[in-house]
Amino acid sequence: WRDTLRAHHTVEYQPDQQDSARSTIVSLAPVNLFPGYYEFITREDGTKKLSGEPNGTYLVRQRLPKHRNEKFHRHTLMVVVSGEISNIKIMTTDDGRVHLDSKGKPPKCFDDLLELIEWHKRNSFTDVSDEGCRSIRLIHPV
């Protein structure tokens, strides 16, 4: 999976001539980069897949940027925590490394999405949300 992931394309933003806020995405990526990865699945469809699953069940979804300034948020980690589904931004640095949205704290960066997921399967992390701080550990993909 890692070789496939490293060969993954770069999503390009191309403004629509009629509306600069709309975009056309050029994608040459394989659909299944690793178990639990979904290309361009909506938040609603991700929620349906995760509904009723046990804590720690997760998926990574690729998302379409709505605006040019969203180029650093190309993926979202969706994970079941305390029976609810949490959506966590996966950010991309200028040099192409990825990390979970750290909300102002120094992030732990990884070379690719698979490395990020594998590390978080072995190590829990804290998500800060409106409900407070929650400890999360990825267990299995859906």
N, C-alpha and C. Protein backbone atom coordinates (compact mmCIF):
# COMPACT_ATOMS: atom_id res chain seq x y z
N TRP A 1 0.82 -1.20 0.00
CA TRP A 1 0.00 0.00 0.00
C TRP A 1 0.85 1.25 0.00
N ARG A 2 1.99 1.20 0.68
CA ARG A 2 2.83 2.39 0.81
C ARG A 2 3.31 2.88 -0.55
N ASP A 3 3.73 1.97 -1.45
CA ASP A 3 4.17 2.39 -2.78
C ASP A 3 3.04 3.05 -3.55
N THR A 4 1.85 2.50 -3.43
CA THR A 4 0.68 3.09 -4.09
C THR A 4 0.42 4.47 -3.54
N LEU A 5 0.51 4.61 -2.20
CA LEU A 5 0.26 5.89 -1.57
C LEU A 5 1.28 6.93 -1.98
N ARG A 6 2.54 6.55 -2.05
CA ARG A 6 3.58 7.51 -2.45
C ARG A 6 3.43 7.94 -3.89
N ALA A 7 2.82 7.09 -4.72
CA ALA A 7 2.60 7.44 -6.11
C ALA A 7 1.32 8.27 -6.28
N HIS A 8 0.64 8.55 -5.18
CA HIS A 8 -0.61 9.29 -5.18
C HIS A 8 -0.41 10.65 -5.84
N HIS A 9 -1.40 11.07 -6.54
CA HIS A 9 -1.37 12.33 -7.27
C HIS A 9 -1.42 13.54 -6.34
N THR A 10 -1.23 14.69 -6.91
CA THR A 10 -1.50 15.95 -6.23
C THR A 10 -2.81 16.48 -6.77
N VAL A 11 -3.73 16.79 -5.87
CA VAL A 11 -5.01 17.33 -6.30
C VAL A 11 -4.78 18.78 -6.71
N GLU A 12 -5.22 19.12 -7.89
CA GLU A 12 -5.04 20.47 -8.39
C GLU A 12 -6.34 21.25 -8.26
N TYR A 13 -6.22 22.51 -7.91
CA TYR A 13 -7.37 23.40 -7.86
C TYR A 13 -7.41 24.18 -9.16
N GLN A 14 -8.53 24.15 -9.83
CA GLN A 14 -8.69 24.89 -11.07
C GLN A 14 -9.99 25.66 -10.98
N PRO A 15 -9.92 27.00 -10.86
CA PRO A 15 -11.17 27.75 -10.72
C PRO A 15 -12.04 27.63 -11.95
N ASP A 16 -13.31 27.54 -11.72
CA ASP A 16 -14.31 27.52 -12.79
C ASP A 16 -14.38 28.93 -13.37
N GLN A 17 -14.50 29.05 -14.66
CA GLN A 17 -14.54 30.36 -15.29
C GLN A 17 -15.77 31.15 -14.87
N GLN A 18 -16.87 30.48 -14.56
CA GLN A 18 -18.09 31.18 -14.19
C GLN A 18 -18.12 31.58 -12.72
N ASP A 19 -17.47 30.83 -11.87
CA ASP A 19 -17.52 31.11 -10.44
C ASP A 19 -16.20 30.71 -9.83
N SER A 20 -15.43 31.67 -9.38
CA SER A 20 -14.09 31.38 -8.87
C SER A 20 -14.13 30.56 -7.58
N ALA A 21 -15.27 30.50 -6.90
CA ALA A 21 -15.37 29.71 -5.68
C ALA A 21 -15.57 28.23 -5.98
N ARG A 22 -15.96 27.89 -7.20
CA ARG A 22 -16.14 26.49 -7.57
C ARG A 22 -14.82 25.95 -8.11
N SER A 23 -14.68 24.66 -8.09
CA SER A 23 -13.42 24.09 -8.57
C SER A 23 -13.67 22.83 -9.38
N THR A 24 -12.70 22.51 -10.20
CA THR A 24 -12.68 21.26 -10.93
C THR A 24 -11.46 20.51 -10.43
N ILE A 25 -11.62 19.28 -10.05
CA ILE A 25 -10.52 18.52 -9.49
C ILE A 25 -10.08 17.48 -10.50
N VAL A 26 -8.78 17.43 -10.72
CA VAL A 26 -8.19 16.42 -11.59
C VAL A 26 -7.65 15.34 -10.67
N SER A 27 -8.15 14.12 -10.80
CA SER A 27 -7.73 13.04 -9.90
C SER A 27 -7.34 11.81 -10.69
N LEU A 28 -6.12 11.35 -10.45
CA LEU A 28 -5.66 10.11 -11.06
C LEU A 28 -5.39 9.06 -9.98
N ALA A 29 -5.89 9.32 -8.77
CA ALA A 29 -5.57 8.45 -7.63
C ALA A 29 -6.35 7.15 -7.68
N PRO A 30 -5.72 6.07 -7.25
CA PRO A 30 -6.47 4.83 -7.10
C PRO A 30 -7.49 4.99 -5.98
N VAL A 31 -8.61 4.31 -6.08
CA VAL A 31 -9.67 4.47 -5.11
C VAL A 31 -9.29 3.87 -3.76
N ASN A 32 -8.59 2.75 -3.73
CA ASN A 32 -8.26 2.08 -2.48
C ASN A 32 -6.77 2.18 -2.18
N LEU A 33 -6.37 3.28 -1.56
CA LEU A 33 -4.96 3.44 -1.20
C LEU A 33 -4.60 2.51 -0.05
N PHE A 34 -5.53 2.32 0.91
CA PHE A 34 -5.34 1.42 2.04
C PHE A 34 -6.71 1.17 2.63
N PRO A 35 -6.85 0.13 3.45
CA PRO A 35 -8.17 -0.16 4.04
C PRO A 35 -8.69 1.03 4.84
N GLY A 36 -9.92 1.40 4.59
CA GLY A 36 -10.52 2.53 5.29
C GLY A 36 -10.39 3.85 4.56
N TYR A 37 -9.76 3.85 3.38
CA TYR A 37 -9.61 5.08 2.58
C TYR A 37 -10.73 5.15 1.55
N TYR A 38 -11.39 6.29 1.48
CA TYR A 38 -12.46 6.49 0.51
C TYR A 38 -12.21 7.78 -0.26
N GLU A 39 -12.20 7.66 -1.57
CA GLU A 39 -11.96 8.81 -2.42
C GLU A 39 -13.26 9.58 -2.63
N PHE A 40 -13.28 10.84 -2.24
CA PHE A 40 -14.39 11.76 -2.46
C PHE A 40 -15.72 11.28 -1.88
N ILE A 41 -15.71 10.62 -0.75
CA ILE A 41 -16.95 10.24 -0.07
C ILE A 41 -17.43 11.49 0.69
N THR A 42 -18.73 11.67 0.75
CA THR A 42 -19.26 12.82 1.46
C THR A 42 -19.24 12.56 2.97
N ARG A 43 -19.34 13.63 3.72
CA ARG A 43 -19.41 13.50 5.18
C ARG A 43 -20.64 12.67 5.57
N GLU A 44 -21.74 12.90 4.88
CA GLU A 44 -22.98 12.18 5.18
C GLU A 44 -22.82 10.67 4.91
N ASP A 45 -22.21 10.32 3.78
CA ASP A 45 -22.00 8.90 3.47
C ASP A 45 -21.01 8.26 4.45
N GLY A 46 -19.99 9.01 4.86
CA GLY A 46 -19.05 8.51 5.87
C GLY A 46 -19.75 8.25 7.19
N THR A 47 -20.65 9.15 7.55
CA THR A 47 -21.42 9.00 8.79
C THR A 47 -22.29 7.74 8.72
N LYS A 48 -22.91 7.49 7.58
CA LYS A 48 -23.73 6.28 7.41
C LYS A 48 -22.87 5.02 7.58
N LYS A 49 -21.66 5.02 7.00
CA LYS A 49 -20.79 3.85 7.10
C LYS A 49 -20.37 3.59 8.54
N LEU A 50 -20.17 4.67 9.32
CA LEU A 50 -19.67 4.52 10.69
C LEU A 50 -20.78 4.36 11.73
N SER A 51 -22.00 4.71 11.38
CA SER A 51 -23.11 4.62 12.35
C SER A 51 -23.26 3.20 12.87
N GLY A 52 -23.36 3.09 14.20
CA GLY A 52 -23.54 1.80 14.84
C GLY A 52 -22.26 1.00 15.02
N GLU A 53 -21.13 1.50 14.53
CA GLU A 53 -19.85 0.80 14.67
C GLU A 53 -19.26 1.06 16.06
N PRO A 54 -18.40 0.16 16.56
CA PRO A 54 -17.80 0.36 17.89
C PRO A 54 -16.76 1.50 17.89
N ASN A 55 -16.46 1.97 19.09
CA ASN A 55 -15.45 3.02 19.26
C ASN A 55 -14.13 2.60 18.62
N GLY A 56 -13.46 3.56 18.00
CA GLY A 56 -12.19 3.30 17.35
C GLY A 56 -12.30 2.93 15.89
N THR A 57 -13.53 2.68 15.40
CA THR A 57 -13.73 2.41 13.98
C THR A 57 -13.52 3.72 13.23
N TYR A 58 -12.83 3.66 12.10
CA TYR A 58 -12.48 4.90 11.41
C TYR A 58 -12.52 4.73 9.89
N LEU A 59 -12.50 5.86 9.22
CA LEU A 59 -12.25 5.91 7.79
C LEU A 59 -11.56 7.24 7.49
N VAL A 60 -10.84 7.27 6.38
CA VAL A 60 -10.22 8.50 5.89
C VAL A 60 -10.91 8.82 4.58
N ARG A 61 -11.41 10.04 4.48
CA ARG A 61 -12.08 10.43 3.24
C ARG A 61 -11.34 11.58 2.59
N GLN A 62 -11.21 11.47 1.28
CA GLN A 62 -10.64 12.57 0.51
C GLN A 62 -11.78 13.54 0.27
N ARG A 63 -11.51 14.81 0.33
CA ARG A 63 -12.56 15.80 0.15
C ARG A 63 -12.21 16.76 -0.96
N LEU A 64 -13.23 17.32 -1.54
CA LEU A 64 -13.05 18.33 -2.57
C LEU A 64 -12.92 19.70 -1.92
N PRO A 65 -11.85 20.43 -2.19
CA PRO A 65 -11.76 21.77 -1.61
C PRO A 65 -12.80 22.69 -2.22
N LYS A 66 -13.41 23.51 -1.38
CA LYS A 66 -14.43 24.45 -1.87
C LYS A 66 -13.79 25.77 -2.29
N HIS A 67 -12.65 26.07 -1.72
CA HIS A 67 -11.96 27.33 -1.99
C HIS A 67 -10.48 27.07 -2.15
N ARG A 68 -9.80 27.95 -2.84
CA ARG A 68 -8.36 27.83 -3.06
C ARG A 68 -7.58 27.71 -1.74
N ASN A 69 -8.00 28.42 -0.70
CA ASN A 69 -7.26 28.41 0.57
C ASN A 69 -7.42 27.11 1.34
N GLU A 70 -8.20 26.16 0.84
CA GLU A 70 -8.36 24.88 1.50
C GLU A 70 -7.39 23.82 0.98
N LYS A 71 -6.37 24.23 0.26
CA LYS A 71 -5.46 23.26 -0.34
C LYS A 71 -4.71 22.42 0.69
N PHE A 72 -4.63 22.88 1.94
CA PHE A 72 -3.90 22.14 2.95
C PHE A 72 -4.80 21.20 3.75
N HIS A 73 -6.08 21.15 3.43
CA HIS A 73 -7.01 20.23 4.11
C HIS A 73 -7.67 19.38 3.04
N ARG A 74 -6.97 18.33 2.63
CA ARG A 74 -7.46 17.47 1.55
C ARG A 74 -8.14 16.20 2.04
N HIS A 75 -7.94 15.87 3.30
CA HIS A 75 -8.50 14.62 3.84
C HIS A 75 -9.08 14.89 5.23
N THR A 76 -10.02 14.02 5.60
CA THR A 76 -10.62 14.07 6.93
C THR A 76 -10.61 12.67 7.51
N LEU A 77 -10.23 12.57 8.78
CA LEU A 77 -10.31 11.32 9.53
C LEU A 77 -11.66 11.33 10.24
N MET A 78 -12.48 10.34 9.98
CA MET A 78 -13.74 10.18 10.68
C MET A 78 -13.59 8.97 11.60
N VAL A 79 -13.89 9.14 12.89
CA VAL A 79 -13.68 8.07 13.84
C VAL A 79 -14.81 8.07 14.88
N VAL A 80 -15.23 6.87 15.29
CA VAL A 80 -16.26 6.73 16.31
C VAL A 80 -15.60 6.88 17.68
N VAL A 81 -16.10 7.86 18.46
CA VAL A 81 -15.58 8.13 19.80
C VAL A 81 -16.78 8.27 20.74
N SER A 82 -16.82 7.46 21.77
CA SER A 82 -17.93 7.50 22.74
C SER A 82 -19.28 7.41 22.05
N GLY A 83 -19.36 6.58 21.00
CA GLY A 83 -20.60 6.38 20.28
C GLY A 83 -20.96 7.48 19.29
N GLU A 84 -20.14 8.52 19.20
CA GLU A 84 -20.39 9.62 18.26
C GLU A 84 -19.29 9.65 17.21
N ILE A 85 -19.58 10.26 16.07
CA ILE A 85 -18.60 10.32 14.99
C ILE A 85 -17.90 11.67 15.02
N SER A 86 -16.59 11.61 15.13
CA SER A 86 -15.76 12.82 15.16
C SER A 86 -15.08 12.98 13.80
N ASN A 87 -15.08 14.20 13.28
CA ASN A 87 -14.41 14.53 12.02
C ASN A 87 -13.17 15.36 12.35
N ILE A 88 -12.01 14.85 11.98
CA ILE A 88 -10.75 15.52 12.30
C ILE A 88 -10.02 15.82 11.00
N LYS A 89 -9.67 17.08 10.80
CA LYS A 89 -8.97 17.48 9.59
C LYS A 89 -7.58 16.85 9.56
N ILE A 90 -7.20 16.38 8.39
CA ILE A 90 -5.82 15.95 8.15
C ILE A 90 -5.20 17.04 7.29
N MET A 91 -4.22 17.70 7.84
CA MET A 91 -3.60 18.84 7.18
C MET A 91 -2.35 18.38 6.42
N THR A 92 -1.99 19.13 5.38
CA THR A 92 -0.79 18.88 4.59
C THR A 92 0.13 20.08 4.69
N THR A 93 1.40 19.82 5.00
CA THR A 93 2.37 20.90 5.12
C THR A 93 2.86 21.32 3.74
N ASP A 94 3.60 22.41 3.68
CA ASP A 94 4.16 22.89 2.40
C ASP A 94 5.04 21.84 1.73
N ASP A 95 5.71 21.01 2.55
CA ASP A 95 6.60 20.00 1.98
C ASP A 95 5.92 18.65 1.76
N GLY A 96 4.57 18.61 1.88
CA GLY A 96 3.82 17.40 1.55
C GLY A 96 3.63 16.42 2.69
N ARG A 97 4.10 16.73 3.89
CA ARG A 97 3.87 15.84 5.03
C ARG A 97 2.46 16.06 5.55
N VAL A 98 1.93 15.10 6.29
CA VAL A 98 0.56 15.18 6.79
C VAL A 98 0.53 15.09 8.31
N HIS A 99 -0.50 15.70 8.90
CA HIS A 99 -0.71 15.63 10.35
C HIS A 99 -2.16 15.91 10.65
N LEU A 100 -2.60 15.46 11.82
CA LEU A 100 -3.95 15.79 12.27
C LEU A 100 -3.98 17.25 12.69
N ASP A 101 -5.13 17.88 12.51
CA ASP A 101 -5.29 19.27 12.94
C ASP A 101 -4.99 19.33 14.43
N SER A 102 -3.98 20.10 14.79
CA SER A 102 -3.52 20.12 16.18
C SER A 102 -4.05 21.31 16.96
N LYS A 103 -4.89 22.12 16.34
CA LYS A 103 -5.54 23.25 17.00
C LYS A 103 -4.53 24.13 17.74
N GLY A 104 -3.45 24.48 17.05
CA GLY A 104 -2.48 25.42 17.61
C GLY A 104 -1.27 24.79 18.26
N LYS A 105 -1.33 23.52 18.62
CA LYS A 105 -0.18 22.84 19.21
C LYS A 105 0.76 22.38 18.10
N PRO A 106 2.05 22.21 18.39
CA PRO A 106 2.95 21.68 17.36
C PRO A 106 2.49 20.30 16.91
N PRO A 107 2.31 20.09 15.62
CA PRO A 107 1.79 18.81 15.14
C PRO A 107 2.86 17.73 15.03
N LYS A 108 2.43 16.47 15.11
CA LYS A 108 3.30 15.34 14.81
C LYS A 108 3.07 15.02 13.34
N CYS A 109 4.11 15.21 12.52
CA CYS A 109 3.99 15.06 11.07
C CYS A 109 4.45 13.68 10.60
N PHE A 110 3.86 13.24 9.49
CA PHE A 110 4.16 11.94 8.90
C PHE A 110 4.40 12.11 7.41
N ASP A 111 5.14 11.16 6.83
CA ASP A 111 5.45 11.23 5.40
C ASP A 111 4.24 10.99 4.51
N ASP A 112 3.27 10.20 4.98
CA ASP A 112 2.10 9.90 4.17
C ASP A 112 0.92 9.50 5.06
N LEU A 113 -0.23 9.36 4.46
CA LEU A 113 -1.45 9.02 5.21
C LEU A 113 -1.35 7.67 5.90
N LEU A 114 -0.77 6.69 5.23
CA LEU A 114 -0.67 5.36 5.83
C LEU A 114 0.19 5.40 7.09
N GLU A 115 1.28 6.12 7.06
CA GLU A 115 2.14 6.24 8.25
C GLU A 115 1.37 6.93 9.39
N LEU A 116 0.59 7.97 9.07
CA LEU A 116 -0.22 8.66 10.07
C LEU A 116 -1.21 7.69 10.71
N ILE A 117 -1.92 6.93 9.89
CA ILE A 117 -2.93 5.98 10.40
C ILE A 117 -2.27 4.89 11.24
N GLU A 118 -1.20 4.30 10.74
CA GLU A 118 -0.53 3.23 11.49
C GLU A 118 -0.02 3.72 12.84
N TRP A 119 0.51 4.93 12.91
CA TRP A 119 1.00 5.47 14.18
C TRP A 119 -0.15 5.66 15.15
N HIS A 120 -1.29 6.17 14.66
CA HIS A 120 -2.43 6.41 15.54
C HIS A 120 -3.19 5.13 15.89
N LYS A 121 -2.89 4.03 15.24
CA LYS A 121 -3.43 2.74 15.67
C LYS A 121 -2.64 2.21 16.88
N ARG A 122 -1.39 2.62 16.98
CA ARG A 122 -0.54 2.19 18.11
C ARG A 122 -0.53 3.19 19.26
N ASN A 123 -0.89 4.45 18.99
CA ASN A 123 -0.81 5.51 19.99
C ASN A 123 -2.10 6.33 19.99
N SER A 124 -2.64 6.55 21.17
CA SER A 124 -3.85 7.36 21.26
C SER A 124 -3.49 8.83 21.10
N PHE A 125 -4.49 9.64 20.78
CA PHE A 125 -4.30 11.08 20.68
C PHE A 125 -5.51 11.75 21.28
N THR A 126 -5.39 13.03 21.57
CA THR A 126 -6.47 13.79 22.19
C THR A 126 -7.11 14.69 21.16
N ASP A 127 -8.42 14.61 21.06
CA ASP A 127 -9.19 15.50 20.19
C ASP A 127 -9.89 16.50 21.08
N VAL A 128 -9.71 17.78 20.78
CA VAL A 128 -10.39 18.83 21.52
C VAL A 128 -11.59 19.27 20.69
N SER A 129 -12.77 19.14 21.26
CA SER A 129 -13.99 19.51 20.55
C SER A 129 -14.87 20.33 21.49
N ASP A 130 -16.05 20.68 21.01
CA ASP A 130 -17.00 21.43 21.84
C ASP A 130 -17.40 20.64 23.08
N GLU A 131 -17.34 19.32 22.99
CA GLU A 131 -17.71 18.47 24.13
C GLU A 131 -16.57 18.31 25.14
N GLY A 132 -15.39 18.84 24.83
CA GLY A 132 -14.23 18.72 25.71
C GLY A 132 -13.14 17.88 25.06
N CYS A 133 -12.20 17.44 25.86
CA CYS A 133 -11.08 16.63 25.38
C CYS A 133 -11.46 15.15 25.42
N ARG A 134 -11.14 14.45 24.32
CA ARG A 134 -11.44 13.02 24.25
C ARG A 134 -10.21 12.28 23.76
N SER A 135 -9.88 11.20 24.44
CA SER A 135 -8.77 10.36 24.02
C SER A 135 -9.26 9.41 22.94
N ILE A 136 -8.52 9.33 21.84
CA ILE A 136 -8.93 8.52 20.69
C ILE A 136 -7.81 7.58 20.30
N ARG A 137 -8.17 6.35 19.98
CA ARG A 137 -7.22 5.40 19.41
C ARG A 137 -7.91 4.70 18.25
N LEU A 138 -7.26 4.70 17.11
CA LEU A 138 -7.82 4.03 15.93
C LEU A 138 -7.66 2.53 16.10
N ILE A 139 -8.74 1.79 15.85
CA ILE A 139 -8.69 0.34 16.05
C ILE A 139 -8.83 -0.40 14.73
N HIS A 140 -9.91 -0.15 13.99
CA HIS A 140 -10.07 -0.85 12.71
C HIS A 140 -10.85 0.01 11.72
N PRO A 141 -10.53 -0.15 10.43
CA PRO A 141 -11.23 0.63 9.40
C PRO A 141 -12.59 0.02 9.07
N VAL A 142 -13.44 0.83 8.51
CA VAL A 142 -14.73 0.36 8.03
C VAL A 142 -14.70 0.36 6.51
